Amino acid sequence: MAAPQPAMMLPRELIHDNISLSTKPTAKIHYTFAAGKDLQHHEPILVVFLNGLMSDKSSWLPVMSGVIRGQPDGFPSLLAYDRYGQGLTEDRDPQDQGRDGGYGHDVADVVQDLNQLIMQIAHDKMDKKPEQLQLVLVANSIGCAIARLYAQSYPGSVTALLLLDPMMANSNFDWWPDPDPESFDPKELPSEVTIEMLREQRAKFAAIFAPDVVNKEGLDRRNLAGLLPYSDRPPLVGKEGRQPFLVVVEHDPERFAQESLQVRR
């Protein structure tokens, strides 16, 4: 569930609607779109915002509003959406039918859906083909893994990526020492940390972030380390064979700790 957002008047340029992907016509995806205006570029720009697991597209609305209001000379086209089973997208992924245990589609499936969504939005809202766009992906948390895999799966399509607090796709999130093996030495712990505190932290973190934890949208993360096994390769190929422009922003550690505690409550 997304964190509550402060009440704000959204710009009239932001249009909210539903769309059925031609590849999955029985389900609808909710999205928010703003058509770009007055930018003097040879190729139109489409900025796509990609959600994390614990937030939906409502978290991007203040950002999109700020882009529109803060650019008096024009702004790029903006797109945010809720994946199947997330936020205002009530429909589940049709291909999840018959799958048990809350494990449905994976990140590779999400990437295919994203590509189809971009193609349809480009055609229906911008009268363009995807290859005519300067595509910018702005992502948070697992959305960063989606962005990486998209750029890797569709070389030459992405101009730039802004990754906000990206998750470690090739990790099982077992980062803290395990106090139970006989080889563990309690003396290695800081003086203010007890074994009980360590066990509690390991359990709390695993309950939220472990790849086998089921989530509301049915996104199966158990194979993510196999889809993105390395943090530094393969090299991504952007428009005209150049590497995409890449910016990575780390989450503020104190704010992250506070938000994690709120989620657990």
C-alpha atoms as a PDB file:
ATOM      1  CA  MET A   1       0.000   0.000   0.000  1.00  0.00           C
ATOM      2  CA  ALA A   2       1.289   3.419  -0.904  1.00  0.00           C
ATOM      3  CA  ALA A   3       2.107   5.920   1.812  1.00  0.00           C
ATOM      4  CA  PRO A   4      -0.608   8.604   2.178  1.00  0.00           C
ATOM      5  CA  GLN A   5       0.089  11.594  -0.020  1.00  0.00           C
ATOM      6  CA  PRO A   6      -0.637  15.189   0.991  1.00  0.00           C
ATOM      7  CA  ALA A   7      -3.775  16.632  -0.563  1.00  0.00           C
ATOM      8  CA  MET A   8      -2.916  18.679  -3.601  1.00  0.00           C
ATOM      9  CA  MET A   9      -4.588  20.062  -6.685  1.00  0.00           C
ATOM     10  CA  LEU A  10      -3.277  18.140  -9.683  1.00  0.00           C
ATOM     11  CA  PRO A  11      -2.586  19.935 -12.959  1.00  0.00           C
ATOM     12  CA  ARG A  12      -5.330  19.583 -15.539  1.00  0.00           C
ATOM     13  CA  GLU A  13      -2.748  18.151 -17.950  1.00  0.00           C
ATOM     14  CA  LEU A  14      -2.695  14.903 -15.948  1.00  0.00           C
ATOM     15  CA  ILE A  15      -5.243  12.511 -17.419  1.00  0.00           C
ATOM     16  CA  HIS A  16      -6.279   9.351 -15.548  1.00  0.00           C
ATOM     17  CA  ASP A  17      -7.627   6.422 -17.519  1.00  0.00           C
ATOM     18  CA  ASN A  18      -7.619   2.642 -18.009  1.00  0.00           C
ATOM     19  CA  ILE A  19      -6.107   0.688 -20.869  1.00  0.00           C
ATOM     20  CA  SER A  20      -6.230  -2.929 -21.986  1.00  0.00           C
ATOM     21  CA  LEU A  21      -3.023  -4.247 -23.480  1.00  0.00           C
ATOM     22  CA  SER A  22      -3.587  -5.920 -26.824  1.00  0.00           C
ATOM     23  CA  THR A  23      -1.542  -8.847 -25.511  1.00  0.00           C
ATOM     24  CA  LYS A  24      -3.829  -9.199 -22.459  1.00  0.00           C
ATOM     25  CA  PRO A  25      -7.197  -7.835 -23.594  1.00  0.00           C
ATOM     26  CA  THR A  26      -9.232  -9.248 -20.686  1.00  0.00           C
ATOM     27  CA  ALA A  27      -7.604  -7.015 -18.039  1.00  0.00           C
ATOM     28  CA  LYS A  28      -7.225  -3.269 -17.615  1.00  0.00           C
ATOM     29  CA  ILE A  29      -4.322  -1.201 -16.302  1.00  0.00           C
ATOM     30  CA  HIS A  30      -4.875   2.171 -14.641  1.00  0.00           C
ATOM     31  CA  TYR A  31      -2.500   4.925 -15.727  1.00  0.00           C
ATOM     32  CA  THR A  32      -1.875   8.652 -15.539  1.00  0.00           C
ATOM     33  CA  PHE A  33      -0.578  10.496 -18.592  1.00  0.00           C
ATOM     34  CA  ALA A  34       0.329  14.043 -19.538  1.00  0.00           C
ATOM     35  CA  ALA A  35       1.016  14.936 -23.153  1.00  0.00           C
ATOM     36  CA  GLY A  36       4.234  16.918 -23.556  1.00  0.00           C
ATOM     37  CA  LYS A  37       4.075  20.525 -24.669  1.00  0.00           C
ATOM     38  CA  ASP A  38       6.319  22.931 -26.522  1.00  0.00           C
ATOM     39  CA  LEU A  39       9.670  21.222 -26.078  1.00  0.00           C
ATOM     40  CA  GLN A  40      11.987  22.036 -28.959  1.00  0.00           C
ATOM     41  CA  HIS A  41      13.387  18.569 -29.615  1.00  0.00           C
ATOM     42  CA  HIS A  42      13.709  16.621 -32.827  1.00  0.00           C
ATOM     43  CA  GLU A  43      12.328  13.561 -31.041  1.00  0.00           C
ATOM     44  CA  PRO A  44       9.574  13.695 -28.412  1.00  0.00           C
ATOM     45  CA  ILE A  45      10.442  12.616 -24.882  1.00  0.00           C
ATOM     46  CA  LEU A  46       8.418  10.120 -22.861  1.00  0.00           C
ATOM     47  CA  VAL A  47       9.235   9.796 -19.149  1.00  0.00           C
ATOM     48  CA  VAL A  48       7.877   6.583 -17.603  1.00  0.00           C
ATOM     49  CA  PHE A  49       7.689   6.213 -13.817  1.00  0.00           C
ATOM     50  CA  LEU A  50       8.069   2.697 -12.411  1.00  0.00           C
ATOM     51  CA  ASN A  51       6.721   1.803  -8.972  1.00  0.00           C
ATOM     52  CA  GLY A  52       8.294  -0.196  -6.197  1.00  0.00           C
ATOM     53  CA  LEU A  53       6.522  -3.039  -4.421  1.00  0.00           C
ATOM     54  CA  MET A  54       5.242  -0.973  -1.492  1.00  0.00           C
ATOM     55  CA  SER A  55       4.045   2.042  -3.444  1.00  0.00           C
ATOM     56  CA  ASP A  56       1.749   2.669  -6.395  1.00  0.00           C
ATOM     57  CA  LYS A  57       1.624   5.385  -9.017  1.00  0.00           C
ATOM     58  CA  SER A  58       0.069   7.884  -6.582  1.00  0.00           C
ATOM     59  CA  SER A  59       3.572   8.371  -5.163  1.00  0.00           C
ATOM     60  CA  TRP A  60       4.654   9.825  -8.514  1.00  0.00           C
ATOM     61  CA  LEU A  61       1.798  12.330  -8.883  1.00  0.00           C
ATOM     62  CA  PRO A  62       3.540  15.100  -6.891  1.00  0.00           C
ATOM     63  CA  VAL A  63       6.647  14.566  -9.022  1.00  0.00           C
ATOM     64  CA  MET A  64       4.689  14.707 -12.263  1.00  0.00           C
ATOM     65  CA  SER A  65       2.839  17.804 -11.047  1.00  0.00           C
ATOM     66  CA  GLY A  66       6.149  19.459 -10.165  1.00  0.00           C
ATOM     67  CA  VAL A  67       7.567  18.743 -13.622  1.00  0.00           C
ATOM     68  CA  ILE A  68       4.534  20.286 -15.316  1.00  0.00           C
ATOM     69  CA  ARG A  69       4.339  23.355 -13.098  1.00  0.00           C
ATOM     70  CA  GLY A  70       8.076  23.895 -12.898  1.00  0.00           C
ATOM     71  CA  GLN A  71       8.714  23.989 -16.641  1.00  0.00           C
ATOM     72  CA  PRO A  72       7.180  27.190 -18.054  1.00  0.00           C
ATOM     73  CA  ASP A  73       8.779  26.563 -21.441  1.00  0.00           C
ATOM     74  CA  GLY A  74       7.208  23.102 -21.769  1.00  0.00           C
ATOM     75  CA  PHE A  75       7.593  19.605 -20.404  1.00  0.00           C
ATOM     76  CA  PRO A  76       8.012  16.060 -21.741  1.00  0.00           C
ATOM     77  CA  SER A  77       5.220  13.529 -21.945  1.00  0.00           C
ATOM     78  CA  LEU A  78       4.788  11.756 -18.599  1.00  0.00           C
ATOM     79  CA  LEU A  79       3.408   8.307 -17.851  1.00  0.00           C
ATOM     80  CA  ALA A  80       2.835   6.470 -14.557  1.00  0.00           C
ATOM     81  CA  TYR A  81       0.823   3.286 -14.120  1.00  0.00           C
ATOM     82  CA  ASP A  82      -0.167   0.649 -11.608  1.00  0.00           C
ATOM     83  CA  ARG A  83       0.909  -2.867 -12.462  1.00  0.00           C
ATOM     84  CA  TYR A  84      -1.651  -5.673 -12.362  1.00  0.00           C
ATOM     85  CA  GLY A  85      -3.008  -6.096  -8.835  1.00  0.00           C
ATOM     86  CA  GLN A  86      -1.436  -2.841  -7.656  1.00  0.00           C
ATOM     87  CA  GLY A  87      -2.984   0.493  -6.659  1.00  0.00           C
ATOM     88  CA  LEU A  88      -5.960   1.422  -8.837  1.00  0.00           C
ATOM     89  CA  THR A  89      -5.387  -1.520 -11.199  1.00  0.00           C
ATOM     90  CA  GLU A  90      -7.836  -3.974  -9.706  1.00  0.00           C
ATOM     91  CA  ASP A  91      -7.454  -6.626 -12.398  1.00  0.00           C
ATOM     92  CA  ARG A  92      -4.933  -9.364 -11.824  1.00  0.00           C
ATOM     93  CA  ASP A  93      -2.461 -10.450 -14.467  1.00  0.00           C
ATOM     94  CA  PRO A  94      -4.488 -12.844 -16.665  1.00  0.00           C
ATOM     95  CA  GLN A  95      -1.582 -15.255 -16.929  1.00  0.00           C
ATOM     96  CA  ASP A  96      -1.590 -15.740 -13.136  1.00  0.00           C
ATOM     97  CA  GLN A  97      -4.800 -17.752 -13.267  1.00  0.00           C
ATOM     98  CA  GLY A  98      -4.307 -21.243 -11.895  1.00  0.00           C
ATOM     99  CA  ARG A  99      -0.997 -20.446 -10.206  1.00  0.00           C
ATOM    100  CA  ASP A 100      -0.993 -21.253  -6.507  1.00  0.00           C
ATOM    101  CA  GLY A 101       0.696 -19.779  -3.474  1.00  0.00           C
ATOM    102  CA  GLY A 102       0.666 -16.128  -4.597  1.00  0.00           C
ATOM    103  CA  TYR A 103       3.484 -16.684  -7.103  1.00  0.00           C
ATOM    104  CA  GLY A 104       2.396 -15.451 -10.513  1.00  0.00           C
ATOM    105  CA  HIS A 105       4.169 -13.436 -13.182  1.00  0.00           C
ATOM    106  CA  ASP A 106       7.823 -12.436 -12.839  1.00  0.00           C
ATOM    107  CA  VAL A 107       9.835  -9.320 -13.668  1.00  0.00           C
ATOM    108  CA  ALA A 108      10.440 -10.529 -17.231  1.00  0.00           C
ATOM    109  CA  ASP A 109       6.662 -10.622 -17.714  1.00  0.00           C
ATOM    110  CA  VAL A 110       6.371  -7.104 -16.259  1.00  0.00           C
ATOM    111  CA  VAL A 111       8.980  -5.913 -18.760  1.00  0.00           C
ATOM    112  CA  GLN A 112       6.995  -7.346 -21.667  1.00  0.00           C
ATOM    113  CA  ASP A 113       3.837  -5.654 -20.371  1.00  0.00           C
ATOM    114  CA  LEU A 114       5.732  -2.368 -20.019  1.00  0.00           C
ATOM    115  CA  ASN A 115       6.941  -2.575 -23.597  1.00  0.00           C
ATOM    116  CA  GLN A 116       3.410  -3.203 -24.831  1.00  0.00           C
ATOM    117  CA  LEU A 117       2.091  -0.307 -22.737  1.00  0.00           C
ATOM    118  CA  ILE A 118       4.718   2.059 -24.138  1.00  0.00           C
ATOM    119  CA  MET A 119       3.878   0.993 -27.697  1.00  0.00           C
ATOM    120  CA  GLN A 120       0.175   1.628 -27.194  1.00  0.00           C
ATOM    121  CA  ILE A 121       0.610   4.932 -25.346  1.00  0.00           C
ATOM    122  CA  ALA A 122       3.067   6.121 -27.999  1.00  0.00           C
ATOM    123  CA  HIS A 123       0.566   5.250 -30.736  1.00  0.00           C
ATOM    124  CA  ASP A 124      -2.678   6.319 -29.058  1.00  0.00           C
ATOM    125  CA  LYS A 125      -1.537   9.419 -27.164  1.00  0.00           C
ATOM    126  CA  MET A 126       1.503  10.680 -29.062  1.00  0.00           C
ATOM    127  CA  ASP A 127       0.935   9.406 -32.601  1.00  0.00           C
ATOM    128  CA  LYS A 128       4.451   7.994 -32.582  1.00  0.00           C
ATOM    129  CA  LYS A 129       6.281   4.713 -32.782  1.00  0.00           C
ATOM    130  CA  PRO A 130       8.432   3.791 -29.745  1.00  0.00           C
ATOM    131  CA  GLU A 131      11.621   4.087 -31.779  1.00  0.00           C
ATOM    132  CA  GLN A 132      10.746   7.735 -32.458  1.00  0.00           C
ATOM    133  CA  LEU A 133      10.820   8.572 -28.752  1.00  0.00           C
ATOM    134  CA  GLN A 134      13.519   9.588 -26.336  1.00  0.00           C
ATOM    135  CA  LEU A 135      12.533   7.177 -23.559  1.00  0.00           C
ATOM    136  CA  VAL A 136      13.464   8.030 -19.970  1.00  0.00           C
ATOM    137  CA  LEU A 137      12.776   5.530 -17.160  1.00  0.00           C
ATOM    138  CA  VAL A 138      12.446   6.868 -13.602  1.00  0.00           C
ATOM    139  CA  ALA A 139      12.209   4.029 -11.100  1.00  0.00           C
ATOM    140  CA  ASN A 140      12.174   3.207  -7.410  1.00  0.00           C
ATOM    141  CA  SER A 141      13.117  -0.018  -5.578  1.00  0.00           C
ATOM    142  CA  ILE A 142      12.105  -3.056  -7.634  1.00  0.00           C
ATOM    143  CA  GLY A 143      11.082  -0.637 -10.379  1.00  0.00           C
ATOM    144  CA  CYS A 144      14.824  -0.152 -10.903  1.00  0.00           C
ATOM    145  CA  ALA A 145      15.216  -3.860 -11.640  1.00  0.00           C
ATOM    146  CA  ILE A 146      12.337  -3.573 -14.097  1.00  0.00           C
ATOM    147  CA  ALA A 147      14.027  -0.579 -15.734  1.00  0.00           C
ATOM    148  CA  ARG A 148      17.372  -2.382 -15.992  1.00  0.00           C
ATOM    149  CA  LEU A 149      15.842  -5.510 -17.470  1.00  0.00           C
ATOM    150  CA  TYR A 150      13.795  -3.417 -19.903  1.00  0.00           C
ATOM    151  CA  ALA A 151      16.892  -1.591 -21.173  1.00  0.00           C
ATOM    152  CA  GLN A 152      18.701  -4.924 -21.416  1.00  0.00           C
ATOM    153  CA  SER A 153      15.808  -6.682 -23.189  1.00  0.00           C
ATOM    154  CA  TYR A 154      15.156  -3.856 -25.667  1.00  0.00           C
ATOM    155  CA  PRO A 155      18.588  -2.487 -26.610  1.00  0.00           C
ATOM    156  CA  GLY A 156      18.548   0.869 -28.343  1.00  0.00           C
ATOM    157  CA  SER A 157      15.248   1.913 -26.780  1.00  0.00           C
ATOM    158  CA  VAL A 158      16.220   3.802 -23.603  1.00  0.00           C
ATOM    159  CA  THR A 159      17.864   7.227 -23.574  1.00  0.00           C
ATOM    160  CA  ALA A 160      18.255   7.668 -19.816  1.00  0.00           C
ATOM    161  CA  LEU A 161      17.562   5.976 -16.489  1.00  0.00           C
ATOM    162  CA  LEU A 162      17.066   7.585 -13.083  1.00  0.00           C
ATOM    163  CA  LEU A 163      17.214   4.850 -10.432  1.00  0.00           C
ATOM    164  CA  LEU A 164      16.028   5.885  -6.983  1.00  0.00           C
ATOM    165  CA  ASP A 165      17.075   3.569  -4.156  1.00  0.00           C
ATOM    166  CA  PRO A 166      17.520   0.559  -6.443  1.00  0.00           C
ATOM    167  CA  MET A 167      17.164  -2.886  -4.934  1.00  0.00           C
ATOM    168  CA  MET A 168      19.981  -5.440  -5.137  1.00  0.00           C
ATOM    169  CA  ALA A 169      18.460  -7.761  -7.707  1.00  0.00           C
ATOM    170  CA  ASN A 170      21.098 -10.474  -7.277  1.00  0.00           C
ATOM    171  CA  SER A 171      20.721 -10.689  -3.482  1.00  0.00           C
ATOM    172  CA  ASN A 172      18.549 -12.774  -1.181  1.00  0.00           C
ATOM    173  CA  PHE A 173      18.709  -9.898   1.356  1.00  0.00           C
ATOM    174  CA  ASP A 174      20.374 -12.073   3.992  1.00  0.00           C
ATOM    175  CA  TRP A 175      22.817  -9.324   4.891  1.00  0.00           C
ATOM    176  CA  TRP A 176      23.238  -9.683   8.651  1.00  0.00           C
ATOM    177  CA  PRO A 177      25.407 -12.315  10.361  1.00  0.00           C
ATOM    178  CA  ASP A 178      23.607 -15.509  11.313  1.00  0.00           C
ATOM    179  CA  PRO A 179      24.084 -15.991  15.074  1.00  0.00           C
ATOM    180  CA  ASP A 180      23.053 -19.664  15.117  1.00  0.00           C
ATOM    181  CA  PRO A 181      26.047 -21.519  13.552  1.00  0.00           C
ATOM    182  CA  GLU A 182      28.710 -22.675  16.009  1.00  0.00           C
ATOM    183  CA  SER A 183      31.295 -20.662  14.089  1.00  0.00           C
ATOM    184  CA  PHE A 184      29.565 -17.383  15.012  1.00  0.00           C
ATOM    185  CA  ASP A 185      31.506 -15.315  17.547  1.00  0.00           C
ATOM    186  CA  PRO A 186      29.280 -12.956  19.615  1.00  0.00           C
ATOM    187  CA  LYS A 187      32.326 -10.831  20.331  1.00  0.00           C
ATOM    188  CA  GLU A 188      32.220  -9.600  16.745  1.00  0.00           C
ATOM    189  CA  LEU A 189      28.979  -7.735  17.438  1.00  0.00           C
ATOM    190  CA  PRO A 190      29.061  -4.059  18.446  1.00  0.00           C
ATOM    191  CA  SER A 191      28.716  -3.643  22.187  1.00  0.00           C
ATOM    192  CA  GLU A 192      25.181  -2.216  21.900  1.00  0.00           C
ATOM    193  CA  VAL A 193      23.895  -5.088  19.714  1.00  0.00           C
ATOM    194  CA  THR A 194      22.728  -8.346  21.293  1.00  0.00           C
ATOM    195  CA  ILE A 195      22.145 -11.708  19.631  1.00  0.00           C
ATOM    196  CA  GLU A 196      18.419 -11.306  20.300  1.00  0.00           C
ATOM    197  CA  MET A 197      18.427  -7.955  18.485  1.00  0.00           C
ATOM    198  CA  LEU A 198      20.277  -9.523  15.562  1.00  0.00           C
ATOM    199  CA  ARG A 199      17.777 -12.390  15.293  1.00  0.00           C
ATOM    200  CA  GLU A 200      14.858  -9.957  15.444  1.00  0.00           C
ATOM    201  CA  GLN A 201      16.316  -7.730  12.731  1.00  0.00           C
ATOM    202  CA  ARG A 202      17.017 -10.701  10.445  1.00  0.00           C
ATOM    203  CA  ALA A 203      13.462 -11.960  10.873  1.00  0.00           C
ATOM    204  CA  LYS A 204      11.838  -8.555  10.297  1.00  0.00           C
ATOM    205  CA  PHE A 205      13.883  -7.794   7.203  1.00  0.00           C
ATOM    206  CA  ALA A 206      13.308 -11.245   5.691  1.00  0.00           C
ATOM    207  CA  ALA A 207       9.553 -10.918   6.276  1.00  0.00           C
ATOM    208  CA  ILE A 208       9.496  -7.827   4.050  1.00  0.00           C
ATOM    209  CA  PHE A 209      12.228  -8.250   1.466  1.00  0.00           C
ATOM    210  CA  ALA A 210      13.104 -11.940   1.045  1.00  0.00           C
ATOM    211  CA  PRO A 211      12.536 -13.007  -2.599  1.00  0.00           C
ATOM    212  CA  ASP A 212      10.062 -15.731  -1.604  1.00  0.00           C
ATOM    213  CA  VAL A 213       7.752 -13.359   0.306  1.00  0.00           C
ATOM    214  CA  VAL A 214       4.374 -13.163  -1.428  1.00  0.00           C
ATOM    215  CA  ASN A 215       3.135  -9.689  -2.377  1.00  0.00           C
ATOM    216  CA  LYS A 216      -0.271  -8.263  -3.219  1.00  0.00           C
ATOM    217  CA  GLU A 217       0.286  -8.042  -6.962  1.00  0.00           C
ATOM    218  CA  GLY A 218       1.481 -11.642  -7.269  1.00  0.00           C
ATOM    219  CA  LEU A 219       4.900 -10.628  -8.593  1.00  0.00           C
ATOM    220  CA  ASP A 220       7.220 -13.615  -8.239  1.00  0.00           C
ATOM    221  CA  ARG A 221      10.737 -12.408  -7.357  1.00  0.00           C
ATOM    222  CA  ARG A 222      12.313 -15.796  -6.738  1.00  0.00           C
ATOM    223  CA  ASN A 223      14.073 -15.867 -10.126  1.00  0.00           C
ATOM    224  CA  LEU A 224      15.135 -12.205 -10.137  1.00  0.00           C
ATOM    225  CA  ALA A 225      18.761 -13.009  -9.292  1.00  0.00           C
ATOM    226  CA  GLY A 226      18.832 -15.213 -12.384  1.00  0.00           C
ATOM    227  CA  LEU A 227      17.357 -12.477 -14.578  1.00  0.00           C
ATOM    228  CA  LEU A 228      19.851  -9.868 -13.326  1.00  0.00           C
ATOM    229  CA  PRO A 229      22.776 -11.839 -11.894  1.00  0.00           C
ATOM    230  CA  TYR A 230      25.336  -9.004 -12.098  1.00  0.00           C
ATOM    231  CA  SER A 231      25.210  -5.404 -10.967  1.00  0.00           C
ATOM    232  CA  ASP A 232      27.665  -4.154 -13.596  1.00  0.00           C
ATOM    233  CA  ARG A 233      26.907  -6.157 -16.748  1.00  0.00           C
ATOM    234  CA  PRO A 234      25.903  -6.667 -19.428  1.00  0.00           C
ATOM    235  CA  PRO A 235      26.488  -3.079 -20.576  1.00  0.00           C
ATOM    236  CA  LEU A 236      23.250  -1.385 -21.547  1.00  0.00           C
ATOM    237  CA  VAL A 237      22.839  -0.110 -25.099  1.00  0.00           C
ATOM    238  CA  GLY A 238      20.767   3.027 -25.617  1.00  0.00           C
ATOM    239  CA  LYS A 239      19.719   5.145 -28.564  1.00  0.00           C
ATOM    240  CA  GLU A 240      22.052   5.066 -31.565  1.00  0.00           C
ATOM    241  CA  GLY A 241      24.262   2.491 -29.860  1.00  0.00           C
ATOM    242  CA  ARG A 242      25.313   4.811 -27.048  1.00  0.00           C
ATOM    243  CA  GLN A 243      25.094   3.872 -23.401  1.00  0.00           C
ATOM    244  CA  PRO A 244      22.022   5.345 -21.709  1.00  0.00           C
ATOM    245  CA  PHE A 245      22.592   8.275 -19.380  1.00  0.00           C
ATOM    246  CA  LEU A 246      22.401   6.799 -15.871  1.00  0.00           C
ATOM    247  CA  VAL A 247      21.877   8.406 -12.467  1.00  0.00           C
ATOM    248  CA  VAL A 248      21.583   6.365  -9.251  1.00  0.00           C
ATOM    249  CA  VAL A 249      20.286   7.982  -6.057  1.00  0.00           C
ATOM    250  CA  GLU A 250      20.581   6.260  -2.682  1.00  0.00           C
ATOM    251  CA  HIS A 251      17.727   6.236  -0.165  1.00  0.00           C
ATOM    252  CA  ASP A 252      18.291   8.309   2.961  1.00  0.00           C
ATOM    253  CA  PRO A 253      19.107   5.600   5.563  1.00  0.00           C
ATOM    254  CA  GLU A 254      17.231   7.224   8.465  1.00  0.00           C
ATOM    255  CA  ARG A 255      14.098   7.837   6.390  1.00  0.00           C
ATOM    256  CA  PHE A 256      14.270   4.289   5.031  1.00  0.00           C
ATOM    257  CA  ALA A 257      14.437   2.851   8.560  1.00  0.00           C
ATOM    258  CA  GLN A 258      11.402   4.884   9.602  1.00  0.00           C
ATOM    259  CA  GLU A 259       9.377   3.826   6.569  1.00  0.00           C
ATOM    260  CA  SER A 260      10.305   0.174   7.077  1.00  0.00           C
ATOM    261  CA  LEU A 261       9.039   0.302  10.661  1.00  0.00           C
ATOM    262  CA  GLN A 262       5.770   1.893   9.465  1.00  0.00           C
ATOM    263  CA  VAL A 263       5.272  -0.914   6.941  1.00  0.00           C
ATOM    264  CA  ARG A 264       5.769  -3.544   9.642  1.00  0.00           C
ATOM    265  CA  ARG A 265       3.134  -1.894  11.822  1.00  0.00           C
END
